[in-house]
N, C-alpha and C. Protein backbone atom coordinates (compact mmCIF):
# COMPACT_ATOMS: atom_id res chain seq x y z
N MET A 1 -11.40 -19.48 -5.47
CA MET A 1 -12.62 -19.01 -6.08
C MET A 1 -12.26 -18.25 -7.35
N SER A 2 -12.84 -18.63 -8.46
CA SER A 2 -12.64 -17.90 -9.70
C SER A 2 -13.50 -16.64 -9.65
N ASN A 3 -12.84 -15.49 -9.74
CA ASN A 3 -13.55 -14.21 -9.62
C ASN A 3 -14.08 -13.70 -10.94
N LYS A 4 -13.76 -14.36 -12.02
CA LYS A 4 -14.07 -13.85 -13.35
C LYS A 4 -15.55 -13.68 -13.62
N LYS A 5 -16.41 -14.54 -13.09
CA LYS A 5 -17.83 -14.50 -13.42
C LYS A 5 -18.68 -13.89 -12.32
N LEU A 6 -18.06 -13.51 -11.22
CA LEU A 6 -18.83 -13.00 -10.09
C LEU A 6 -19.04 -11.50 -10.22
N HIS A 7 -20.18 -11.05 -9.77
CA HIS A 7 -20.49 -9.62 -9.77
C HIS A 7 -19.78 -8.92 -8.62
N PHE A 8 -19.63 -7.62 -8.75
CA PHE A 8 -18.94 -6.80 -7.77
C PHE A 8 -19.49 -7.02 -6.37
N GLU A 9 -20.81 -7.07 -6.24
CA GLU A 9 -21.44 -7.24 -4.94
C GLU A 9 -21.11 -8.59 -4.32
N THR A 10 -21.04 -9.63 -5.14
CA THR A 10 -20.71 -10.97 -4.64
C THR A 10 -19.25 -11.02 -4.19
N LEU A 11 -18.37 -10.37 -4.96
CA LEU A 11 -16.97 -10.32 -4.56
C LEU A 11 -16.82 -9.65 -3.19
N GLN A 12 -17.58 -8.59 -2.95
CA GLN A 12 -17.51 -7.88 -1.67
C GLN A 12 -17.81 -8.79 -0.49
N LEU A 13 -18.68 -9.75 -0.71
CA LEU A 13 -19.13 -10.60 0.39
C LEU A 13 -18.35 -11.90 0.55
N HIS A 14 -17.75 -12.41 -0.52
CA HIS A 14 -17.25 -13.77 -0.43
C HIS A 14 -15.76 -13.98 -0.69
N VAL A 15 -15.09 -13.09 -1.40
CA VAL A 15 -13.68 -13.33 -1.69
C VAL A 15 -12.90 -13.41 -0.39
N GLY A 16 -12.02 -14.36 -0.30
CA GLY A 16 -11.20 -14.56 0.88
C GLY A 16 -11.80 -15.49 1.91
N GLN A 17 -13.11 -15.68 1.81
CA GLN A 17 -13.78 -16.64 2.69
C GLN A 17 -14.85 -17.35 1.86
N GLU A 18 -14.38 -18.16 0.93
CA GLU A 18 -15.29 -18.85 0.03
C GLU A 18 -16.10 -19.92 0.75
N ASN A 19 -15.56 -20.45 1.83
CA ASN A 19 -16.25 -21.45 2.64
C ASN A 19 -16.49 -20.87 4.03
N PRO A 20 -17.52 -21.33 4.70
CA PRO A 20 -17.76 -20.84 6.06
C PRO A 20 -16.56 -21.13 6.97
N ASP A 21 -16.47 -20.39 8.05
CA ASP A 21 -15.41 -20.60 9.02
C ASP A 21 -15.44 -22.05 9.49
N PRO A 22 -14.34 -22.79 9.38
CA PRO A 22 -14.36 -24.21 9.73
C PRO A 22 -14.61 -24.48 11.22
N ALA A 23 -14.27 -23.54 12.08
CA ALA A 23 -14.46 -23.78 13.51
C ALA A 23 -15.90 -23.52 13.96
N THR A 24 -16.59 -22.58 13.28
CA THR A 24 -17.92 -22.18 13.77
C THR A 24 -19.02 -22.30 12.72
N ASP A 25 -18.65 -22.54 11.47
CA ASP A 25 -19.58 -22.51 10.33
C ASP A 25 -20.17 -21.12 10.11
N ALA A 26 -19.54 -20.08 10.62
CA ALA A 26 -20.02 -18.72 10.44
C ALA A 26 -19.83 -18.30 8.99
N ARG A 27 -20.82 -17.62 8.44
CA ARG A 27 -20.73 -17.10 7.08
C ARG A 27 -19.91 -15.81 7.07
N ALA A 28 -20.08 -14.99 8.11
CA ALA A 28 -19.30 -13.76 8.20
C ALA A 28 -17.88 -14.09 8.64
N VAL A 29 -16.95 -13.28 8.20
CA VAL A 29 -15.55 -13.50 8.54
C VAL A 29 -15.36 -13.27 10.04
N PRO A 30 -14.82 -14.24 10.75
CA PRO A 30 -14.55 -14.03 12.18
C PRO A 30 -13.45 -13.00 12.37
N ILE A 31 -13.50 -12.31 13.46
CA ILE A 31 -12.43 -11.38 13.82
C ILE A 31 -11.52 -12.13 14.78
N TYR A 32 -10.31 -12.39 14.33
CA TYR A 32 -9.34 -13.10 15.16
C TYR A 32 -8.54 -12.08 15.96
N GLN A 33 -8.81 -11.99 17.25
CA GLN A 33 -8.11 -11.05 18.11
C GLN A 33 -6.91 -11.74 18.74
N THR A 34 -5.91 -11.96 17.90
CA THR A 34 -4.72 -12.64 18.39
C THR A 34 -3.49 -11.98 17.80
N THR A 35 -2.39 -12.15 18.49
CA THR A 35 -1.10 -11.69 17.96
C THR A 35 -0.16 -12.87 17.74
N SER A 36 -0.52 -14.02 18.30
CA SER A 36 0.42 -15.16 18.30
C SER A 36 -0.23 -16.40 17.71
N TYR A 37 0.59 -17.23 17.14
CA TYR A 37 0.14 -18.48 16.54
C TYR A 37 1.01 -19.62 17.05
N VAL A 38 0.45 -20.81 17.05
CA VAL A 38 1.14 -21.99 17.55
C VAL A 38 1.82 -22.71 16.39
N PHE A 39 3.03 -23.18 16.63
CA PHE A 39 3.76 -23.97 15.64
C PHE A 39 3.89 -25.38 16.18
N ARG A 40 3.76 -26.37 15.31
CA ARG A 40 3.82 -27.77 15.72
C ARG A 40 5.18 -28.13 16.33
N ASN A 41 6.23 -27.53 15.78
CA ASN A 41 7.58 -27.79 16.27
C ASN A 41 8.50 -26.69 15.70
N SER A 42 9.78 -26.74 16.03
CA SER A 42 10.69 -25.69 15.59
C SER A 42 10.86 -25.66 14.07
N GLN A 43 10.79 -26.83 13.42
CA GLN A 43 10.90 -26.86 11.97
C GLN A 43 9.70 -26.17 11.32
N HIS A 44 8.52 -26.42 11.87
CA HIS A 44 7.31 -25.76 11.36
C HIS A 44 7.46 -24.24 11.47
N ALA A 45 7.95 -23.76 12.62
CA ALA A 45 8.17 -22.33 12.80
C ALA A 45 9.20 -21.81 11.81
N ALA A 46 10.29 -22.53 11.66
CA ALA A 46 11.34 -22.12 10.72
C ALA A 46 10.81 -22.04 9.29
N ASP A 47 9.97 -23.01 8.92
CA ASP A 47 9.39 -23.01 7.57
C ASP A 47 8.44 -21.83 7.37
N ARG A 48 7.67 -21.51 8.41
CA ARG A 48 6.75 -20.36 8.31
C ARG A 48 7.55 -19.07 8.17
N PHE A 49 8.51 -18.86 9.07
CA PHE A 49 9.28 -17.62 9.02
C PHE A 49 10.17 -17.56 7.79
N GLY A 50 10.55 -18.71 7.24
CA GLY A 50 11.34 -18.77 6.02
C GLY A 50 10.48 -18.69 4.76
N LEU A 51 9.18 -18.54 4.94
CA LEU A 51 8.20 -18.43 3.85
C LEU A 51 8.15 -19.67 2.95
N ARG A 52 8.56 -20.81 3.50
CA ARG A 52 8.46 -22.08 2.77
C ARG A 52 7.11 -22.75 3.01
N ASP A 53 6.43 -22.33 4.08
CA ASP A 53 5.12 -22.87 4.43
C ASP A 53 4.19 -21.68 4.66
N ALA A 54 3.20 -21.55 3.79
CA ALA A 54 2.28 -20.42 3.91
C ALA A 54 1.44 -20.55 5.17
N GLY A 55 1.23 -19.48 5.85
CA GLY A 55 0.40 -19.49 7.04
C GLY A 55 0.74 -18.33 7.95
N ASN A 56 0.01 -18.25 9.02
CA ASN A 56 0.19 -17.15 9.96
C ASN A 56 1.47 -17.30 10.75
N ILE A 57 2.11 -16.16 11.00
CA ILE A 57 3.39 -16.13 11.70
C ILE A 57 3.25 -15.36 13.01
N TYR A 58 2.85 -14.10 12.88
CA TYR A 58 2.76 -13.20 14.03
C TYR A 58 1.76 -12.11 13.64
N GLY A 59 1.00 -11.62 14.59
CA GLY A 59 -0.10 -10.71 14.31
C GLY A 59 0.24 -9.48 13.51
N ARG A 60 1.44 -8.95 13.67
CA ARG A 60 1.81 -7.76 12.90
C ARG A 60 2.19 -8.11 11.46
N LEU A 61 2.44 -9.38 11.20
CA LEU A 61 2.83 -9.81 9.85
C LEU A 61 1.69 -10.48 9.10
N THR A 62 0.89 -11.25 9.79
CA THR A 62 -0.21 -11.96 9.16
C THR A 62 -1.38 -12.03 10.13
N ASN A 63 -2.57 -11.97 9.58
CA ASN A 63 -3.78 -12.08 10.38
C ASN A 63 -4.89 -12.54 9.45
N SER A 64 -5.62 -13.55 9.82
CA SER A 64 -6.64 -14.12 8.94
C SER A 64 -7.72 -13.11 8.58
N THR A 65 -8.16 -12.31 9.52
CA THR A 65 -9.19 -11.31 9.24
C THR A 65 -8.66 -10.28 8.25
N GLN A 66 -7.48 -9.81 8.47
CA GLN A 66 -6.86 -8.84 7.57
C GLN A 66 -6.62 -9.47 6.20
N GLY A 67 -6.25 -10.73 6.17
CA GLY A 67 -6.02 -11.43 4.90
C GLY A 67 -7.26 -11.47 4.02
N VAL A 68 -8.41 -11.70 4.62
CA VAL A 68 -9.67 -11.69 3.86
C VAL A 68 -9.91 -10.30 3.29
N PHE A 69 -9.70 -9.27 4.10
CA PHE A 69 -9.87 -7.90 3.64
C PHE A 69 -8.94 -7.61 2.45
N GLU A 70 -7.67 -7.99 2.57
CA GLU A 70 -6.71 -7.76 1.49
C GLU A 70 -7.12 -8.49 0.22
N ASP A 71 -7.58 -9.73 0.35
CA ASP A 71 -8.03 -10.50 -0.81
C ASP A 71 -9.23 -9.84 -1.48
N ARG A 72 -10.16 -9.35 -0.68
CA ARG A 72 -11.36 -8.72 -1.23
C ARG A 72 -11.04 -7.43 -1.97
N VAL A 73 -10.22 -6.59 -1.38
CA VAL A 73 -9.88 -5.34 -2.05
C VAL A 73 -9.13 -5.63 -3.35
N ALA A 74 -8.22 -6.59 -3.32
CA ALA A 74 -7.50 -6.95 -4.55
C ALA A 74 -8.48 -7.43 -5.62
N ALA A 75 -9.43 -8.27 -5.26
CA ALA A 75 -10.40 -8.77 -6.23
C ALA A 75 -11.27 -7.64 -6.77
N LEU A 76 -11.71 -6.75 -5.90
CA LEU A 76 -12.57 -5.64 -6.33
C LEU A 76 -11.83 -4.67 -7.24
N GLU A 77 -10.52 -4.52 -7.03
CA GLU A 77 -9.73 -3.59 -7.83
C GLU A 77 -9.05 -4.26 -9.02
N GLY A 78 -9.25 -5.58 -9.17
CA GLY A 78 -8.62 -6.29 -10.28
C GLY A 78 -7.15 -6.57 -10.07
N GLY A 79 -6.71 -6.55 -8.82
CA GLY A 79 -5.30 -6.80 -8.51
C GLY A 79 -5.03 -8.27 -8.22
N VAL A 80 -3.78 -8.60 -8.04
CA VAL A 80 -3.40 -9.97 -7.73
C VAL A 80 -3.22 -10.19 -6.24
N ALA A 81 -3.00 -9.10 -5.49
CA ALA A 81 -2.82 -9.21 -4.05
C ALA A 81 -3.07 -7.84 -3.44
N GLY A 82 -3.28 -7.82 -2.14
CA GLY A 82 -3.49 -6.56 -1.45
C GLY A 82 -2.64 -6.50 -0.20
N LEU A 83 -2.48 -5.31 0.31
CA LEU A 83 -1.76 -5.12 1.57
C LEU A 83 -2.50 -4.04 2.36
N ALA A 84 -2.96 -4.38 3.52
CA ALA A 84 -3.61 -3.43 4.40
C ALA A 84 -2.62 -2.98 5.46
N VAL A 85 -2.58 -1.69 5.70
CA VAL A 85 -1.72 -1.14 6.74
C VAL A 85 -2.57 -0.28 7.67
N ALA A 86 -1.99 0.17 8.75
CA ALA A 86 -2.76 0.81 9.81
C ALA A 86 -3.21 2.23 9.51
N SER A 87 -2.57 2.90 8.54
CA SER A 87 -2.93 4.29 8.29
C SER A 87 -2.52 4.69 6.88
N GLY A 88 -3.03 5.83 6.45
CA GLY A 88 -2.63 6.38 5.16
C GLY A 88 -1.15 6.73 5.15
N ALA A 89 -0.65 7.24 6.28
CA ALA A 89 0.77 7.58 6.36
C ALA A 89 1.63 6.33 6.19
N ALA A 90 1.19 5.22 6.78
CA ALA A 90 1.93 3.97 6.60
C ALA A 90 1.89 3.52 5.15
N ALA A 91 0.74 3.68 4.50
CA ALA A 91 0.61 3.28 3.10
C ALA A 91 1.54 4.11 2.21
N VAL A 92 1.60 5.42 2.45
CA VAL A 92 2.49 6.28 1.67
C VAL A 92 3.94 5.87 1.89
N THR A 93 4.31 5.64 3.14
CA THR A 93 5.68 5.23 3.46
C THR A 93 6.04 3.92 2.78
N TYR A 94 5.18 2.91 2.88
CA TYR A 94 5.43 1.62 2.22
C TYR A 94 5.60 1.80 0.72
N ALA A 95 4.70 2.58 0.12
CA ALA A 95 4.74 2.75 -1.34
C ALA A 95 6.03 3.42 -1.78
N LEU A 96 6.41 4.49 -1.10
CA LEU A 96 7.62 5.21 -1.50
C LEU A 96 8.88 4.39 -1.22
N GLN A 97 8.95 3.75 -0.05
CA GLN A 97 10.14 2.96 0.25
C GLN A 97 10.25 1.71 -0.62
N ASN A 98 9.15 1.28 -1.21
CA ASN A 98 9.19 0.16 -2.14
C ASN A 98 9.86 0.56 -3.45
N ILE A 99 9.74 1.81 -3.83
CA ILE A 99 10.24 2.29 -5.12
C ILE A 99 11.60 2.96 -5.00
N LEU A 100 11.79 3.74 -3.95
CA LEU A 100 12.98 4.58 -3.82
C LEU A 100 14.09 3.89 -3.02
N GLN A 101 15.31 4.22 -3.38
CA GLN A 101 16.46 3.76 -2.61
C GLN A 101 17.53 4.85 -2.62
N MET A 102 18.57 4.66 -1.85
CA MET A 102 19.64 5.65 -1.73
C MET A 102 20.10 6.08 -3.13
N GLY A 103 20.22 7.39 -3.30
CA GLY A 103 20.67 7.96 -4.56
C GLY A 103 19.54 8.35 -5.50
N ASP A 104 18.31 7.95 -5.18
CA ASP A 104 17.17 8.31 -6.01
C ASP A 104 16.64 9.69 -5.65
N HIS A 105 15.77 10.20 -6.49
CA HIS A 105 15.19 11.53 -6.34
C HIS A 105 13.69 11.44 -6.49
N ILE A 106 12.98 12.25 -5.73
CA ILE A 106 11.53 12.34 -5.81
C ILE A 106 11.15 13.80 -6.04
N VAL A 107 10.21 14.00 -6.96
CA VAL A 107 9.60 15.31 -7.14
C VAL A 107 8.26 15.23 -6.44
N ALA A 108 8.01 16.16 -5.54
CA ALA A 108 6.77 16.13 -4.75
C ALA A 108 6.04 17.46 -4.84
N ALA A 109 4.74 17.38 -4.75
CA ALA A 109 3.89 18.56 -4.78
C ALA A 109 4.13 19.43 -3.56
N ASP A 110 3.91 20.72 -3.73
CA ASP A 110 4.12 21.66 -2.64
C ASP A 110 2.89 21.83 -1.75
N ASN A 111 1.85 21.02 -2.00
CA ASN A 111 0.61 21.16 -1.23
C ASN A 111 0.22 19.84 -0.56
N LEU A 112 1.23 19.15 -0.02
CA LEU A 112 1.00 17.85 0.60
C LEU A 112 0.51 17.97 2.04
N TYR A 113 -0.16 16.92 2.48
CA TYR A 113 -0.47 16.74 3.90
C TYR A 113 0.86 16.79 4.65
N GLY A 114 0.86 17.36 5.84
CA GLY A 114 2.09 17.55 6.61
C GLY A 114 2.90 16.29 6.83
N GLY A 115 2.22 15.18 7.10
CA GLY A 115 2.94 13.93 7.31
C GLY A 115 3.68 13.47 6.06
N SER A 116 3.06 13.62 4.91
CA SER A 116 3.71 13.24 3.64
C SER A 116 4.89 14.17 3.37
N PHE A 117 4.69 15.46 3.60
CA PHE A 117 5.76 16.44 3.39
C PHE A 117 6.96 16.12 4.27
N ASN A 118 6.72 15.84 5.55
CA ASN A 118 7.82 15.51 6.47
C ASN A 118 8.50 14.21 6.09
N LEU A 119 7.74 13.22 5.65
CA LEU A 119 8.34 11.96 5.21
C LEU A 119 9.32 12.23 4.07
N ILE A 120 8.89 13.00 3.09
CA ILE A 120 9.71 13.24 1.90
C ILE A 120 10.88 14.16 2.18
N THR A 121 10.65 15.24 2.93
CA THR A 121 11.71 16.24 3.13
C THR A 121 12.63 15.98 4.31
N HIS A 122 12.21 15.10 5.22
CA HIS A 122 13.05 14.82 6.39
C HIS A 122 13.45 13.35 6.49
N THR A 123 12.48 12.45 6.56
CA THR A 123 12.78 11.03 6.77
C THR A 123 13.52 10.42 5.59
N LEU A 124 13.00 10.59 4.39
CA LEU A 124 13.64 9.96 3.23
C LEU A 124 15.02 10.54 2.95
N THR A 125 15.24 11.80 3.32
CA THR A 125 16.58 12.38 3.10
C THR A 125 17.62 11.68 3.96
N THR A 126 17.22 11.16 5.13
CA THR A 126 18.18 10.43 5.97
C THR A 126 18.54 9.09 5.35
N GLN A 127 17.76 8.66 4.36
CA GLN A 127 18.02 7.41 3.65
C GLN A 127 18.70 7.67 2.30
N GLY A 128 19.18 8.90 2.11
CA GLY A 128 19.91 9.23 0.89
C GLY A 128 19.03 9.49 -0.32
N ILE A 129 17.79 9.87 -0.09
CA ILE A 129 16.85 10.15 -1.17
C ILE A 129 16.64 11.66 -1.21
N SER A 130 16.97 12.27 -2.35
CA SER A 130 16.81 13.72 -2.48
C SER A 130 15.43 14.05 -3.01
N ASN A 131 15.05 15.31 -2.87
CA ASN A 131 13.71 15.72 -3.30
C ASN A 131 13.72 17.12 -3.86
N THR A 132 12.75 17.38 -4.69
CA THR A 132 12.44 18.72 -5.16
C THR A 132 10.96 18.92 -4.94
N ILE A 133 10.61 20.01 -4.26
CA ILE A 133 9.22 20.34 -3.98
C ILE A 133 8.80 21.39 -5.01
N VAL A 134 7.66 21.15 -5.66
CA VAL A 134 7.24 22.02 -6.76
C VAL A 134 5.72 22.04 -6.85
N ASN A 135 5.18 23.08 -7.45
CA ASN A 135 3.76 23.12 -7.78
C ASN A 135 3.57 22.20 -8.99
N VAL A 136 3.04 21.02 -8.76
CA VAL A 136 2.94 20.04 -9.86
C VAL A 136 1.92 20.44 -10.92
N ASN A 137 1.03 21.36 -10.60
CA ASN A 137 0.10 21.84 -11.62
C ASN A 137 0.73 22.89 -12.53
N ASP A 138 1.92 23.36 -12.18
CA ASP A 138 2.73 24.19 -13.08
C ASP A 138 3.59 23.20 -13.86
N LEU A 139 3.09 22.79 -15.00
CA LEU A 139 3.71 21.69 -15.74
C LEU A 139 5.13 22.00 -16.19
N GLU A 140 5.44 23.25 -16.49
CA GLU A 140 6.81 23.61 -16.86
C GLU A 140 7.74 23.45 -15.66
N ALA A 141 7.30 23.88 -14.49
CA ALA A 141 8.11 23.73 -13.27
C ALA A 141 8.29 22.25 -12.94
N LEU A 142 7.22 21.49 -13.13
CA LEU A 142 7.30 20.05 -12.88
C LEU A 142 8.34 19.41 -13.79
N GLU A 143 8.26 19.70 -15.06
CA GLU A 143 9.21 19.11 -16.01
C GLU A 143 10.65 19.51 -15.69
N ALA A 144 10.85 20.77 -15.29
CA ALA A 144 12.19 21.24 -14.95
C ALA A 144 12.74 20.57 -13.70
N ALA A 145 11.86 20.13 -12.82
CA ALA A 145 12.29 19.51 -11.56
C ALA A 145 12.73 18.05 -11.74
N ILE A 146 12.31 17.43 -12.81
CA ILE A 146 12.65 16.01 -13.03
C ILE A 146 14.12 15.88 -13.40
N GLN A 147 14.80 14.97 -12.71
CA GLN A 147 16.23 14.72 -12.91
C GLN A 147 16.42 13.31 -13.45
N PRO A 148 17.61 13.00 -13.94
CA PRO A 148 17.84 11.63 -14.45
C PRO A 148 17.59 10.53 -13.40
N ASN A 149 17.79 10.85 -12.12
CA ASN A 149 17.58 9.84 -11.06
C ASN A 149 16.21 9.96 -10.39
N THR A 150 15.28 10.71 -10.99
CA THR A 150 13.93 10.83 -10.43
C THR A 150 13.19 9.53 -10.67
N LYS A 151 12.71 8.94 -9.59
CA LYS A 151 11.94 7.70 -9.69
C LYS A 151 10.47 7.91 -9.42
N VAL A 152 10.11 9.01 -8.73
CA VAL A 152 8.73 9.22 -8.33
C VAL A 152 8.36 10.69 -8.52
N VAL A 153 7.17 10.90 -9.05
CA VAL A 153 6.51 12.20 -8.97
C VAL A 153 5.32 11.96 -8.04
N TYR A 154 5.33 12.64 -6.90
CA TYR A 154 4.33 12.37 -5.88
C TYR A 154 3.43 13.58 -5.66
N ALA A 155 2.13 13.34 -5.77
CA ALA A 155 1.13 14.37 -5.50
C ALA A 155 -0.05 13.70 -4.82
N GLU A 156 -0.81 14.49 -4.11
CA GLU A 156 -2.04 13.99 -3.49
C GLU A 156 -3.22 14.62 -4.21
N THR A 157 -4.26 13.85 -4.41
CA THR A 157 -5.39 14.27 -5.22
C THR A 157 -5.94 15.62 -4.81
N PHE A 158 -6.18 15.80 -3.52
CA PHE A 158 -6.65 17.07 -3.00
C PHE A 158 -5.55 17.67 -2.15
N GLY A 159 -5.06 18.84 -2.57
CA GLY A 159 -3.95 19.47 -1.88
C GLY A 159 -4.33 20.00 -0.52
N ASN A 160 -3.31 20.22 0.30
CA ASN A 160 -3.47 20.72 1.65
C ASN A 160 -2.93 22.15 1.70
N PRO A 161 -3.60 23.10 2.24
CA PRO A 161 -4.84 23.04 3.00
C PRO A 161 -6.07 23.44 2.18
N ASN A 162 -5.92 23.76 0.91
CA ASN A 162 -7.01 24.36 0.14
C ASN A 162 -7.86 23.38 -0.65
N SER A 163 -7.57 22.11 -0.60
CA SER A 163 -8.29 21.08 -1.37
C SER A 163 -8.22 21.36 -2.87
N ASP A 164 -7.10 21.97 -3.32
CA ASP A 164 -6.93 22.17 -4.75
C ASP A 164 -6.72 20.81 -5.41
N VAL A 165 -7.22 20.66 -6.62
CA VAL A 165 -7.24 19.37 -7.29
C VAL A 165 -6.04 19.25 -8.22
N THR A 166 -5.30 18.17 -8.08
CA THR A 166 -4.16 17.89 -8.94
C THR A 166 -4.66 17.36 -10.28
N ASN A 167 -4.14 17.89 -11.36
CA ASN A 167 -4.47 17.42 -12.70
C ASN A 167 -3.64 16.16 -12.97
N LEU A 168 -4.15 15.02 -12.54
CA LEU A 168 -3.38 13.77 -12.58
C LEU A 168 -2.99 13.38 -14.01
N GLU A 169 -3.88 13.57 -14.97
CA GLU A 169 -3.56 13.19 -16.35
C GLU A 169 -2.39 14.02 -16.89
N ALA A 170 -2.40 15.32 -16.62
CA ALA A 170 -1.32 16.19 -17.10
C ALA A 170 -0.02 15.88 -16.38
N VAL A 171 -0.09 15.66 -15.06
CA VAL A 171 1.11 15.33 -14.30
C VAL A 171 1.70 14.00 -14.80
N ALA A 172 0.85 13.01 -15.04
CA ALA A 172 1.31 11.71 -15.54
C ALA A 172 1.97 11.86 -16.91
N ALA A 173 1.39 12.69 -17.76
CA ALA A 173 1.96 12.89 -19.10
C ALA A 173 3.37 13.47 -19.00
N VAL A 174 3.56 14.45 -18.13
CA VAL A 174 4.88 15.03 -17.94
C VAL A 174 5.83 14.00 -17.34
N ALA A 175 5.36 13.25 -16.35
CA ALA A 175 6.22 12.25 -15.69
C ALA A 175 6.69 11.18 -16.69
N HIS A 176 5.83 10.81 -17.59
CA HIS A 176 6.24 9.80 -18.57
C HIS A 176 7.20 10.37 -19.58
């Protein structure tokens, strides 16, 4: 489906399921409550798991209902693809582990949700990723915390526990 001419409301309803469900002719996206998929033979399975044949593999890796959701969010946000995960903590973990690797450094805000703080100060350190915790709205302190191996400046829009607002434009300017 070409998304270029469709309005936001139409994208919300149709991206990812441009045609009705082939099994039921349902207009709404069916909810597939499955974890397992059938393969025609061992080669078919090998091709799926080897990513040579697009399609469902296993419920934790692919799911048709989730795929429609990912396609819709990507279309609504102007992206090329989407990834849905089970929680915000999982999303933060995926995002940071996608960027950071052993030997890298992260500068993180001192007012993070506890799960984010523990991920950065405990879990990522076991993977060889160092961190500096700083008040990111103190732009001089933020700039001083950045090291040659800093790959991420991480802050959350509303700080914990006071809901203080991060000045994202100023933080981005310093990070760049």
